[in-house]
């Protein structure tokens, strides 16, 4: 089939080509990092929308043409999410009673999330033509729909287009002053830029293209300067003994619930062995989420002897465990710090719970249909109420559990931090791309908050990331061991505080859109 036949085939143009564009987009993210593919995806998608809008008003007009524009966006979104989120279905393989839901997880979730793109193209499609004004509207709409996706219905800001730059630390440094959503808007702008060559050639178009490249390289120079200056500052902190020794533990346990007491003891012994505590060395040990296989703190308090025997008063242990509120049925997924006597010194209860994983929406009704939450439970977990810093000497620690790392607003609430600790259990996602995509979000949070980040996972990527997003040390998925770092005490007020810059940029783009619209008249 030649190009002319393809472009005249309604099924290909409206459904198949957008779907495959969405499928291909996954290669721009971790672990592939073929970011350049987005410079083809966005211009082609823009061209299809302008083409369908034009053709729908004549050849396709026998039926309401607006639905054609909706199907272009939804087909693209379906392809985008089916490759970006298919790994979620792996979490349903650990319980026989959930396996029937695997097809729904693979197809229904992308169909629902694809509605964001469908409604986006439905709204803007009728106004799109092959001109710069329409391209600006296209960028505005796609950046705004990503923002809404990150905020609505508890939010799911997974694989925003900005994350396709996760490998390019120099470009990412602008995250700190402007924030994730503003950077996402600029990323969509850059990716869409080649579309101007579809228009009638004008000198102004070439000028815009050259100006955009100049801004891009200027940002690269700015990022390089920030990173080089940061290296000198952090080296000085360590030489002045302004640091805290932190050790991340990755046990590589098989995901298994309902362990017997002797199996729990065996796991504890392995964790302690991997931790390799030195009695006189002041150290914070970070164990991942889920090391006690669903047991709550009260159920394993009898193991405190193992802690007092192997750890000293110079040691503090951070770990993830279930806890419950005394004299109530409220259970929490918690981040705790204990001493060598296994006494809780600090506790944070997870606020952003995973729907169907940690809590069941419309629980009373869905339970009658036989549904339950995936994680070993007592009912749905209850959400925590607020974040309070964990302070150890001069180290101010911000706790985040599992997929809380994908929400920039959680770090924006707290101003004075110098270490983010993220605990996760990535065994749920097997050997898929899920753990890699999950990890990439941590790079962004470190830069936005100008803080070091320590991430401890079971069967995921455990790592130390510095305050400029550079990976200092790491352990690969399915790799067991420990990594240790003298974490500099970074004191800085340069942290992204809100999404104000995004709305300023959005307003600027809208103003530019209306100016161009009036000019073209």
Protein backbone atom coordinates (compact mmCIF):
# COMPACT_ATOMS: atom_id res chain seq x y z
CA UNK A 1 0.00 0.00 0.00
CA UNK A 2 1.58 3.31 -1.11
CA UNK A 3 1.46 6.58 0.84
CA UNK A 4 -1.43 8.02 -1.17
CA UNK A 5 -3.65 5.02 -0.45
CA UNK A 6 -2.75 5.12 3.25
CA UNK A 7 -3.52 8.81 3.61
CA UNK A 8 -6.87 8.32 1.88
CA UNK A 9 -7.80 5.34 4.05
CA UNK A 10 -9.97 6.61 6.91
CA UNK A 11 -9.29 3.60 9.17
CA UNK A 12 -5.53 3.99 8.83
CA UNK A 13 -5.52 7.75 9.42
CA UNK A 14 -7.98 7.90 12.32
CA UNK A 15 -7.21 4.66 14.16
CA UNK A 16 -4.14 2.70 13.08
CA UNK A 17 -1.48 5.40 12.57
CA UNK A 18 -2.30 7.31 15.82
CA UNK A 19 -2.37 4.01 17.72
CA UNK A 20 1.10 3.06 16.48
CA UNK A 21 2.43 6.55 17.23
CA UNK A 22 1.24 6.04 20.81
CA UNK A 23 2.85 2.61 20.95
CA UNK A 24 6.19 3.97 19.73
CA UNK A 25 6.25 6.72 22.36
CA UNK A 26 7.30 4.22 25.05
CA UNK A 27 10.76 4.09 23.47
CA UNK A 28 11.38 7.72 24.45
CA UNK A 29 11.22 6.81 28.16
CA UNK A 30 13.35 4.66 30.46
CA UNK A 31 14.93 2.18 29.93
CA UNK A 32 15.18 2.98 26.18
CA UNK A 33 15.72 6.78 26.18
CA UNK A 34 15.24 7.29 22.44
CA UNK A 35 14.06 10.84 23.06
CA UNK A 36 14.50 11.82 19.41
CA UNK A 37 11.46 9.74 18.45
CA UNK A 38 9.23 12.42 20.02
CA UNK A 39 10.41 14.87 17.34
CA UNK A 40 8.58 12.63 14.86
CA UNK A 41 5.58 11.61 16.99
CA UNK A 42 4.31 15.11 17.79
CA UNK A 43 4.62 16.63 14.30
CA UNK A 44 2.98 13.57 12.69
CA UNK A 45 0.14 13.63 15.23
CA UNK A 46 -0.37 17.36 14.56
CA UNK A 47 -0.39 16.71 10.80
CA UNK A 48 -2.98 13.92 11.18
CA UNK A 49 -5.27 16.15 13.25
CA UNK A 50 -5.11 19.00 10.74
CA UNK A 51 -5.64 16.55 7.88
CA UNK A 52 -8.62 14.82 9.53
CA UNK A 53 -10.16 18.19 10.43
CA UNK A 54 -9.89 19.29 6.79
CA UNK A 55 -11.14 16.01 5.30
CA UNK A 56 -13.93 15.55 7.84
CA UNK A 57 -15.63 18.70 6.63
CA UNK A 58 -16.05 17.26 3.15
CA UNK A 59 -15.28 13.58 2.51
CA UNK A 60 -16.13 12.33 6.06
CA UNK A 61 -19.06 14.66 6.63
CA UNK A 62 -21.79 12.01 6.16
CA UNK A 63 -21.42 11.40 9.90
CA UNK A 64 -20.62 13.91 12.66
CA UNK A 65 -16.98 14.72 11.97
CA UNK A 66 -16.12 15.65 15.58
CA UNK A 67 -15.99 12.00 16.55
CA UNK A 68 -13.19 11.48 14.02
CA UNK A 69 -11.05 14.00 15.91
CA UNK A 70 -11.89 12.27 19.20
CA UNK A 71 -10.88 8.86 17.82
CA UNK A 72 -7.51 10.18 16.64
CA UNK A 73 -6.65 11.37 20.15
CA UNK A 74 -8.11 8.32 21.87
CA UNK A 75 -6.33 5.88 19.54
CA UNK A 76 -3.07 7.69 20.24
CA UNK A 77 -3.74 7.65 24.00
CA UNK A 78 -4.67 3.97 23.94
CA UNK A 79 -1.38 3.11 22.26
CA UNK A 80 0.54 5.41 24.61
CA UNK A 81 -0.86 3.89 27.79
CA UNK A 82 -0.96 0.26 26.69
CA UNK A 83 2.84 0.29 26.38
CA UNK A 84 3.41 2.62 29.34
CA UNK A 85 1.25 0.74 31.87
CA UNK A 86 1.01 -2.89 30.70
CA UNK A 87 3.45 -3.91 33.47
CA UNK A 88 0.79 -3.10 36.09
CA UNK A 89 -0.92 -6.36 35.10
CA UNK A 90 2.08 -8.27 36.47
CA UNK A 91 0.94 -7.36 40.00
CA UNK A 92 -2.21 -9.42 39.40
CA UNK A 93 -0.25 -12.64 38.89
CA UNK A 94 0.58 -13.12 42.59
CA UNK A 95 -2.97 -14.03 43.60
CA UNK A 96 -5.06 -16.55 41.68
CA UNK A 97 -8.24 -14.64 42.48
CA UNK A 98 -6.97 -11.61 40.54
CA UNK A 99 -5.73 -13.28 37.36
CA UNK A 100 -9.07 -12.85 35.60
CA UNK A 101 -8.51 -9.09 35.85
CA UNK A 102 -5.28 -9.15 33.80
CA UNK A 103 -7.00 -8.41 30.44
CA UNK A 104 -8.85 -5.54 32.09
CA UNK A 105 -5.59 -4.10 33.46
CA UNK A 106 -3.87 -4.39 30.09
CA UNK A 107 -6.71 -2.93 27.99
CA UNK A 108 -9.32 -1.20 30.18
CA UNK A 109 -6.89 1.13 31.99
CA UNK A 110 -5.36 2.43 28.72
CA UNK A 111 -8.86 2.83 27.25
CA UNK A 112 -9.92 4.96 30.23
CA UNK A 113 -6.71 6.99 30.41
CA UNK A 114 -6.85 7.46 26.64
CA UNK A 115 -9.99 9.54 27.17
CA UNK A 116 -7.75 12.41 28.31
CA UNK A 117 -6.16 12.59 24.85
CA UNK A 118 -9.49 11.89 23.13
CA UNK A 119 -11.25 14.84 24.72
CA UNK A 120 -8.17 16.99 24.12
CA UNK A 121 -8.23 16.44 20.35
CA UNK A 122 -12.04 16.65 20.28
CA UNK A 123 -11.91 20.17 21.74
CA UNK A 124 -9.01 21.62 19.74
CA UNK A 125 -9.32 19.56 16.55
CA UNK A 126 -11.92 21.75 14.79
CA UNK A 127 -9.61 24.78 15.11
CA UNK A 128 -6.40 23.18 13.80
CA UNK A 129 -4.93 24.17 10.45
CA UNK A 130 -1.43 24.00 9.01
CA UNK A 131 -0.19 27.20 10.62
CA UNK A 132 1.85 28.38 13.58
CA UNK A 133 -1.22 29.59 15.44
CA UNK A 134 -2.69 26.07 15.43
CA UNK A 135 0.62 24.55 16.57
CA UNK A 136 0.63 26.85 19.60
CA UNK A 137 -2.93 25.74 20.42
CA UNK A 138 -1.83 22.09 20.03
CA UNK A 139 1.01 22.59 22.54
CA UNK A 140 -1.26 24.42 25.01
CA UNK A 141 -3.87 21.66 24.90
CA UNK A 142 -1.49 18.72 25.32
CA UNK A 143 0.40 20.35 28.20
CA UNK A 144 -2.86 21.27 29.94
CA UNK A 145 -4.29 17.77 29.55
CA UNK A 146 -1.13 16.33 31.11
CA UNK A 147 -1.57 18.70 34.04
CA UNK A 148 -5.19 17.60 34.50
CA UNK A 149 -4.17 13.95 34.27
CA UNK A 150 -1.70 14.54 37.08
CA UNK A 151 -4.32 16.11 39.34
CA UNK A 152 -7.75 14.58 38.67
CA UNK A 153 -9.15 11.44 40.33
CA UNK A 154 -6.21 11.20 42.82
CA UNK A 155 -3.85 11.97 39.90
CA UNK A 156 -1.68 9.80 37.66
CA UNK A 157 1.23 11.91 36.32
CA UNK A 158 2.95 8.84 34.85
CA UNK A 159 5.24 9.31 31.85
CA UNK A 160 4.67 12.98 31.25
CA UNK A 161 6.64 13.90 28.15
CA UNK A 162 9.19 15.67 30.32
CA UNK A 163 10.34 12.29 31.66
CA UNK A 164 11.79 11.36 28.27
CA UNK A 165 14.74 13.64 29.21
CA UNK A 166 15.54 11.67 32.39
CA UNK A 167 18.98 10.66 31.03
CA UNK A 168 20.04 14.26 30.23
CA UNK A 169 20.95 15.89 33.57
CA UNK A 170 22.18 19.16 32.04
CA UNK A 171 18.83 19.83 30.38
CA UNK A 172 16.93 18.89 33.56
CA UNK A 173 18.45 21.58 35.81
CA UNK A 174 15.74 24.05 34.77
CA UNK A 175 13.30 21.84 36.72
CA UNK A 176 14.38 23.44 39.97
CA UNK A 177 13.29 27.00 39.19
CA UNK A 178 10.27 26.26 36.95
CA UNK A 179 8.84 22.87 38.04
CA UNK A 180 7.71 19.67 36.32
CA UNK A 181 4.61 20.88 34.47
CA UNK A 182 6.29 24.00 33.10
CA UNK A 183 9.18 21.85 31.88
CA UNK A 184 6.67 19.43 30.37
CA UNK A 185 5.06 22.30 28.43
CA UNK A 186 8.48 23.36 27.10
CA UNK A 187 9.28 19.75 26.18
CA UNK A 188 6.07 19.40 24.16
CA UNK A 189 6.91 22.73 22.47
CA UNK A 190 10.37 21.48 21.45
CA UNK A 191 9.06 18.11 20.27
CA UNK A 192 6.35 19.79 18.17
CA UNK A 193 8.69 22.34 16.60
CA UNK A 194 9.55 20.37 13.41
CA UNK A 195 5.87 20.65 12.44
CA UNK A 196 6.52 24.20 11.25
CA UNK A 197 8.10 22.70 8.13
CA UNK A 198 4.64 21.43 7.16
CA UNK A 199 3.53 25.05 6.79
CA UNK A 200 4.00 27.54 4.02
CA UNK A 201 7.66 28.54 4.23
CA UNK A 202 8.15 31.89 5.96
CA UNK A 203 11.27 33.59 7.26
CA UNK A 204 9.61 33.98 10.66
CA UNK A 205 9.27 30.21 10.95
CA UNK A 206 12.99 29.70 10.43
CA UNK A 207 13.67 32.45 12.96
CA UNK A 208 11.47 30.70 15.54
CA UNK A 209 13.23 27.40 14.88
CA UNK A 210 16.69 28.92 15.29
CA UNK A 211 15.62 30.85 18.40
CA UNK A 212 14.27 27.66 19.97
CA UNK A 213 17.53 25.80 19.32
CA UNK A 214 19.44 28.71 20.85
CA UNK A 215 17.29 28.57 23.99
CA UNK A 216 17.78 24.79 24.18
CA UNK A 217 21.57 25.05 24.04
CA UNK A 218 21.53 27.97 26.49
CA UNK A 219 19.64 25.73 28.90
CA UNK A 220 22.31 23.05 28.40
CA UNK A 221 25.03 25.57 29.29
CA UNK A 222 23.04 26.68 32.35
CA UNK A 223 22.66 23.05 33.45
CA UNK A 224 26.36 22.32 33.01
CA UNK A 225 27.25 25.34 35.13
CA UNK A 226 24.84 24.27 37.89
CA UNK A 227 26.24 20.74 38.00
CA UNK A 228 29.91 21.82 38.03
CA UNK A 229 29.29 24.40 40.76
CA UNK A 230 27.35 21.83 42.80
CA UNK A 231 30.21 19.30 42.67
CA UNK A 232 32.57 21.82 44.28
CA UNK A 233 30.04 22.73 47.01
CA UNK A 234 29.32 19.10 47.94
CA UNK A 235 33.02 18.19 48.01
CA UNK A 236 33.62 21.07 50.41
CA UNK A 237 30.78 19.86 52.69
CA UNK A 238 32.32 16.39 52.95
CA UNK A 239 35.82 17.74 53.60
CA UNK A 240 34.34 19.83 56.45
CA UNK A 241 32.65 16.71 57.89
CA UNK A 242 29.22 18.13 57.12
CA UNK A 243 27.70 14.81 56.06
CA UNK A 244 25.74 11.78 57.28
CA UNK A 245 26.67 8.18 56.48
CA UNK A 246 23.74 6.40 54.88
CA UNK A 247 23.56 2.78 53.68
CA UNK A 248 20.89 1.47 51.30
CA UNK A 249 19.95 -2.21 51.48
CA UNK A 250 18.45 -4.19 48.60
CA UNK A 251 17.63 -7.79 49.63
CA UNK A 252 16.14 -9.12 46.35
CA UNK A 253 13.44 -11.12 48.17
CA UNK A 254 10.83 -13.05 46.24
CA UNK A 255 7.42 -11.44 46.65
CA UNK A 256 5.50 -13.81 48.90
CA UNK A 257 2.85 -13.20 51.54
CA UNK A 258 1.75 -15.30 54.54
CA UNK A 259 5.31 -16.24 55.45
CA UNK A 260 5.78 -18.43 58.50
CA UNK A 261 7.66 -17.09 61.52
CA UNK A 262 10.83 -19.02 60.67
CA UNK A 263 10.76 -17.54 57.14
CA UNK A 264 10.43 -14.03 58.57
CA UNK A 265 13.39 -14.67 60.86
CA UNK A 266 15.39 -15.95 57.90
CA UNK A 267 14.61 -12.75 55.98
CA UNK A 268 15.63 -10.59 58.94
CA UNK A 269 18.92 -12.46 59.25
CA UNK A 270 19.59 -11.87 55.56
CA UNK A 271 18.78 -8.16 55.83
CA UNK A 272 21.12 -7.79 58.78
CA UNK A 273 23.87 -9.69 56.98
CA UNK A 274 23.55 -7.48 53.89
CA UNK A 275 23.51 -4.39 56.13
CA UNK A 276 26.94 -5.30 57.55
CA UNK A 277 26.66 -2.93 60.54
CA UNK A 278 29.90 -1.64 62.10
CA UNK A 279 29.38 -1.09 65.82
CA UNK A 280 31.23 2.22 66.17
CA UNK A 281 30.23 3.73 62.83
CA UNK A 282 27.31 6.13 63.00
CA UNK A 283 25.03 4.99 60.16
CA UNK A 284 21.46 5.26 58.92
CA UNK A 285 20.37 2.01 57.27
CA UNK A 286 17.54 2.11 54.73
CA UNK A 287 15.58 -1.09 54.12
CA UNK A 288 12.90 -1.20 51.41
CA UNK A 289 9.14 -1.39 51.60
CA UNK A 290 7.58 -4.82 52.10
CA UNK A 291 10.45 -6.65 53.82
CA UNK A 292 8.02 -8.10 56.39
CA UNK A 293 5.67 -9.48 53.72
CA UNK A 294 2.50 -7.78 54.89
CA UNK A 295 2.91 -8.32 58.65
CA UNK A 296 2.29 -5.30 60.84
CA UNK A 297 4.67 -3.91 63.41
CA UNK A 298 2.89 -5.39 66.42
CA UNK A 299 3.13 -8.87 64.90
CA UNK A 300 6.93 -8.78 64.60
CA UNK A 301 7.90 -6.91 67.78
CA UNK A 302 9.17 -10.19 69.20
CA UNK A 303 12.10 -9.94 66.76
CA UNK A 304 13.61 -7.00 68.62
CA UNK A 305 16.31 -9.26 70.06
CA UNK A 306 17.80 -9.62 66.56
CA UNK A 307 18.12 -5.86 66.35
CA UNK A 308 19.71 -5.32 69.78
CA UNK A 309 22.11 -8.19 69.10
CA UNK A 310 23.35 -6.90 65.73
CA UNK A 311 22.91 -3.12 65.81
CA UNK A 312 24.38 -0.61 68.24
CA UNK A 313 23.26 2.75 69.61
CA UNK A 314 25.10 4.34 66.67
CA UNK A 315 22.66 2.79 64.25
CA UNK A 316 19.24 3.85 63.01
CA UNK A 317 17.12 1.73 60.67
CA UNK A 318 14.50 3.07 58.25
CA UNK A 319 12.07 0.55 56.81
CA UNK A 320 8.58 0.09 55.40
CA UNK A 321 5.99 -1.84 57.37
CA UNK A 322 2.26 -1.97 58.05
CA UNK A 323 1.03 -0.33 61.25
CA UNK A 324 -2.35 0.11 62.84
CA UNK A 325 -3.96 2.73 64.98
CA UNK A 326 -4.50 1.48 68.52
CA UNK A 327 -8.06 0.30 69.29
CA UNK A 328 -9.21 0.79 65.70
CA UNK A 329 -9.43 -0.98 62.36
CA UNK A 330 -7.32 1.67 60.63
CA UNK A 331 -4.22 0.15 59.02
CA UNK A 332 -1.47 2.13 57.33
CA UNK A 333 1.39 1.55 54.92
CA UNK A 334 4.08 3.18 57.03
CA UNK A 335 7.63 4.46 56.84
CA UNK A 336 9.29 4.09 60.25
CA UNK A 337 12.66 4.67 61.84
CA UNK A 338 13.71 2.38 64.71
CA UNK A 339 16.74 2.20 66.97
CA UNK A 340 18.70 -0.91 67.91
CA UNK A 341 16.05 -1.74 70.52
CA UNK A 342 13.41 -1.84 67.77
CA UNK A 343 11.65 1.17 69.25
CA UNK A 344 9.82 3.45 66.81
CA UNK A 345 11.44 6.89 66.79
CA UNK A 346 9.49 8.23 63.82
CA UNK A 347 6.50 7.17 61.72
CA UNK A 348 4.99 8.47 58.48
CA UNK A 349 1.81 6.98 57.01
CA UNK A 350 1.54 6.88 53.23
CA UNK A 351 -0.83 9.50 51.87
CA UNK A 352 -1.09 8.64 48.18
CA UNK A 353 -2.50 5.12 48.16
CA UNK A 354 -2.66 2.98 45.01
CA UNK A 355 -6.28 2.43 43.86
CA UNK A 356 -7.16 -1.29 43.91
CA UNK A 357 -3.66 -2.02 45.20
CA UNK A 358 -3.83 -0.49 48.67
CA UNK A 359 -7.42 0.63 48.84
CA UNK A 360 -10.63 -0.35 47.11
CA UNK A 361 -12.65 2.55 45.69
CA UNK A 362 -16.37 2.24 46.49
CA UNK A 363 -15.32 -0.53 48.85
CA UNK A 364 -18.70 -1.55 50.23
CA UNK A 365 -20.24 -2.01 46.79
CA UNK A 366 -17.24 -3.67 45.13
CA UNK A 367 -16.72 -6.10 48.01
CA UNK A 368 -20.20 -7.44 47.40
CA UNK A 369 -19.04 -8.27 43.87
CA UNK A 370 -16.04 -10.19 45.23
CA UNK A 371 -13.35 -7.50 44.78
CA UNK A 372 -10.57 -6.78 47.28
CA UNK A 373 -7.34 -4.81 47.34
CA UNK A 374 -4.27 -6.59 45.94
CA UNK A 375 -1.82 -6.14 48.81
CA UNK A 376 -2.15 -8.42 51.82
CA UNK A 377 -4.68 -6.55 53.86
CA UNK A 378 -6.97 -6.19 56.71
CA UNK A 379 -9.30 -4.04 54.60
CA UNK A 380 -8.23 -1.04 52.59
CA UNK A 381 -5.33 0.93 54.00
CA UNK A 382 -6.19 4.32 55.46
CA UNK A 383 -4.36 7.36 54.05
CA UNK A 384 -1.97 9.35 56.23
CA UNK A 385 -2.83 12.93 57.08
CA UNK A 386 0.37 14.94 56.70
CA UNK A 387 4.12 14.80 56.19
CA UNK A 388 6.47 15.79 59.00
CA UNK A 389 10.21 15.83 58.48
CA UNK A 390 12.36 13.15 60.03
CA UNK A 391 15.29 15.00 61.61
CA UNK A 392 18.56 13.23 62.44
CA UNK A 393 21.17 15.72 63.66
CA UNK A 394 21.42 18.23 60.77
CA UNK A 395 19.82 15.90 58.27
CA UNK A 396 16.19 16.75 57.42
CA UNK A 397 14.58 13.75 55.74
CA UNK A 398 11.44 13.83 53.60
CA UNK A 399 9.79 10.36 53.50
CA UNK A 400 8.03 9.03 50.38
CA UNK A 401 6.63 5.52 49.97
CA UNK A 402 6.56 3.73 46.61
CA UNK A 403 4.66 5.62 43.91
CA UNK A 404 4.41 8.79 46.01
CA UNK A 405 7.66 9.62 44.23
CA UNK A 406 5.68 10.47 41.06
CA UNK A 407 3.82 13.37 42.73
CA UNK A 408 5.81 16.66 42.75
CA UNK A 409 3.25 18.34 45.02
CA UNK A 410 4.30 16.12 47.94
CA UNK A 411 7.80 17.58 48.00
CA UNK A 412 6.50 21.12 47.44
CA UNK A 413 4.72 21.05 50.81
CA UNK A 414 7.99 20.91 52.77
CA UNK A 415 10.58 23.64 52.32
CA UNK A 416 13.71 22.77 54.31
CA UNK A 417 14.86 19.27 53.39
CA UNK A 418 18.24 17.90 52.39
CA UNK A 419 17.47 14.21 51.85
CA UNK A 420 14.49 12.46 50.28
CA UNK A 421 14.12 8.79 51.23
CA UNK A 422 11.96 6.68 48.95
CA UNK A 423 11.06 3.11 49.97
CA UNK A 424 9.51 0.83 47.38
CA UNK A 425 8.55 -2.76 46.59
CA UNK A 426 9.05 -3.16 42.83
CA UNK A 427 8.83 -6.95 42.81
CA UNK A 428 5.17 -6.46 41.88
CA UNK A 429 6.24 -5.53 38.36
CA UNK A 430 8.63 -8.40 37.59
CA UNK A 431 11.22 -7.96 34.86
CA UNK A 432 9.15 -5.37 32.96
CA UNK A 433 10.00 -1.75 32.19
CA UNK A 434 7.94 -0.68 35.24
CA UNK A 435 10.83 -0.48 37.75
CA UNK A 436 12.91 1.57 35.29
CA UNK A 437 10.12 4.07 34.64
CA UNK A 438 9.39 4.25 38.38
CA UNK A 439 13.04 5.05 39.12
CA UNK A 440 13.23 7.85 36.55
CA UNK A 441 10.71 9.88 38.54
CA UNK A 442 13.11 9.96 41.50
CA UNK A 443 15.70 11.84 39.41
CA UNK A 444 13.20 14.64 38.85
CA UNK A 445 12.18 14.91 42.52
CA UNK A 446 15.83 15.28 43.59
CA UNK A 447 16.41 18.18 41.19
CA UNK A 448 13.11 19.92 41.97
CA UNK A 449 13.81 19.78 45.69
CA UNK A 450 17.58 20.39 45.36
CA UNK A 451 18.06 17.45 47.73
CA UNK A 452 19.95 14.21 47.74
CA UNK A 453 17.70 11.20 47.30
CA UNK A 454 18.16 7.68 48.68
CA UNK A 455 15.95 5.02 47.14
CA UNK A 456 15.73 1.52 48.60
CA UNK A 457 13.72 -1.06 46.68
CA UNK A 458 13.23 -4.79 46.61
CA UNK A 459 13.76 -6.00 43.02
CA UNK A 460 13.85 -2.44 41.73
CA UNK A 461 16.61 0.10 41.18
CA UNK A 462 18.11 1.19 44.49
CA UNK A 463 20.30 4.27 44.27
CA UNK A 464 21.79 7.44 45.66
CA UNK A 465 20.94 10.45 43.50
CA UNK A 466 22.53 13.80 44.20
CA UNK A 467 20.68 17.11 44.32
CA UNK A 468 21.30 17.69 40.60
CA UNK A 469 19.82 14.37 39.51
CA UNK A 470 23.11 12.54 38.96
CA UNK A 471 23.13 8.87 39.93
CA UNK A 472 26.04 8.43 42.36
CA UNK A 473 25.69 4.73 43.21
CA UNK A 474 23.06 2.16 42.31
CA UNK A 475 21.99 -1.48 42.41
CA UNK A 476 20.19 -2.98 39.42
CA UNK A 477 16.84 -4.77 39.63
CA UNK A 478 17.23 -8.31 41.02
CA UNK A 479 20.62 -7.38 42.47
CA UNK A 480 21.11 -7.84 46.21
CA UNK A 481 23.62 -5.94 48.30
CA UNK A 482 24.25 -2.57 49.89
CA UNK A 483 25.57 0.79 48.81
CA UNK A 484 26.95 3.38 51.21
CA UNK A 485 27.45 7.11 50.82
CA UNK A 486 28.54 10.08 52.86
CA UNK A 487 25.54 12.28 52.12
CA UNK A 488 26.49 15.99 52.19
CA UNK A 489 24.22 18.23 54.24
CA UNK A 490 22.90 20.48 51.49
CA UNK A 491 21.43 23.75 52.77
CA UNK A 492 19.53 25.57 50.06
CA UNK A 493 16.31 27.51 49.63
CA UNK A 494 16.35 26.93 45.86
CA UNK A 495 13.42 24.51 45.68
CA UNK A 496 10.46 24.41 43.37
CA UNK A 497 7.48 25.47 45.49
CA UNK A 498 4.40 25.30 43.24
CA UNK A 499 3.06 25.23 39.67
CA UNK A 500 2.94 29.02 39.28
CA UNK A 501 5.51 29.08 36.44
CA UNK A 502 3.43 26.56 34.49
CA UNK A 503 0.38 28.83 34.60
CA UNK A 504 2.48 31.88 33.70
CA UNK A 505 3.84 30.03 30.66
CA UNK A 506 0.37 28.78 29.79
CA UNK A 507 -0.98 32.33 29.92
CA UNK A 508 1.96 33.54 27.78
CA UNK A 509 1.29 30.85 25.16
CA UNK A 510 -2.41 31.71 25.13
CA UNK A 511 -1.60 35.39 24.64
CA UNK A 512 0.73 34.46 21.78
CA UNK A 513 -2.04 32.31 20.30
CA UNK A 514 -4.54 35.18 20.25
CA UNK A 515 -1.94 37.59 18.84
CA UNK A 516 -1.16 35.18 16.00
CA UNK A 517 -4.85 34.59 15.39
CA UNK A 518 -5.51 38.32 14.98
CA UNK A 519 -2.38 38.72 12.84
CA UNK A 520 -3.46 35.96 10.46
CA UNK A 521 -6.81 37.70 9.93
